[in-house]
Amino acid sequence: MNKLYRTTGDRKLAGVCGGLGRYFNIDPTIVRIVMLILIIPFNAAIILAYIIGIFVIPSEAEVQR
């Protein structure tokens, strides 16, 4: 069973997209591109969801302890 966590090795900002990519077993670059495309029509909602993800999704280092 996959666990959702923010990645530490595959991160550009906070590791949220990298963690989502690993969780859904897809390339994190695709997740980043989808996020960028969704920012155009839903800018405030996507940015807010990313910020919430930073605080809600645990870091990979926290999960491995």
Protein backbone atom coordinates (compact mmCIF):
# COMPACT_ATOMS: atom_id res chain seq x y z
CA MET A 1 0.00 0.00 0.00
CA ASN A 2 1.42 3.37 -1.00
CA LYS A 3 1.74 6.12 1.56
CA LEU A 4 1.44 9.76 0.58
CA TYR A 5 4.39 11.86 1.68
CA ARG A 6 6.41 14.83 0.42
CA THR A 7 9.61 13.64 -1.22
CA THR A 8 13.00 14.88 -0.13
CA GLY A 9 15.05 13.73 -3.12
CA ASP A 10 12.66 14.66 -5.93
CA ARG A 11 11.55 18.12 -4.91
CA LYS A 12 11.49 21.48 -6.61
CA LEU A 13 9.71 23.52 -3.93
CA ALA A 14 8.38 21.43 -1.07
CA GLY A 15 8.09 17.93 -2.58
CA VAL A 16 4.29 17.85 -2.88
CA CYS A 17 4.21 17.09 -6.62
CA GLY A 18 6.99 14.52 -6.24
CA GLY A 19 5.02 12.80 -3.49
CA LEU A 20 1.82 12.82 -5.52
CA GLY A 21 3.70 11.35 -8.47
CA ARG A 22 5.07 8.50 -6.37
CA TYR A 23 1.68 7.89 -4.73
CA PHE A 24 -0.12 7.58 -8.09
CA ASN A 25 2.88 5.83 -9.70
CA ILE A 26 3.35 8.44 -12.44
CA ASP A 27 6.25 10.69 -13.36
CA PRO A 28 6.36 13.71 -11.00
CA THR A 29 7.12 15.93 -14.00
CA ILE A 30 3.65 15.14 -15.35
CA VAL A 31 2.13 16.16 -12.01
CA ARG A 32 4.08 19.43 -12.13
CA ILE A 33 2.91 20.15 -15.69
CA VAL A 34 -0.72 19.44 -14.76
CA MET A 35 -0.39 21.75 -11.75
CA LEU A 36 0.99 24.51 -13.97
CA ILE A 37 -1.82 24.06 -16.48
CA LEU A 38 -4.45 24.14 -13.71
CA ILE A 39 -2.99 27.33 -12.23
CA ILE A 40 -4.22 29.28 -15.27
CA PRO A 41 -7.98 28.85 -14.66
CA PHE A 42 -7.86 28.03 -10.93
CA ASN A 43 -4.87 30.04 -9.72
CA ALA A 44 -5.88 30.79 -6.13
CA ALA A 45 -7.37 27.34 -5.50
CA ILE A 46 -4.34 25.43 -6.82
CA ILE A 47 -1.87 27.59 -4.92
CA LEU A 48 -3.93 27.22 -1.74
CA ALA A 49 -4.14 23.43 -2.23
CA TYR A 50 -0.34 23.26 -2.65
CA ILE A 51 0.23 25.31 0.51
CA ILE A 52 -2.21 23.12 2.46
CA GLY A 53 -0.38 20.05 1.10
CA ILE A 54 2.89 21.39 2.51
CA PHE A 55 1.44 21.42 6.01
CA VAL A 56 -0.83 18.35 5.84
CA ILE A 57 1.30 15.80 3.95
CA PRO A 58 4.19 14.52 6.08
CA SER A 59 7.76 14.67 4.81
CA GLU A 60 9.52 11.52 3.64
CA ALA A 61 12.04 11.96 6.47
CA GLU A 62 9.23 12.04 9.05
CA VAL A 63 7.64 8.85 7.65
CA GLN A 64 10.90 6.86 7.70
CA ARG A 65 11.64 7.50 11.39
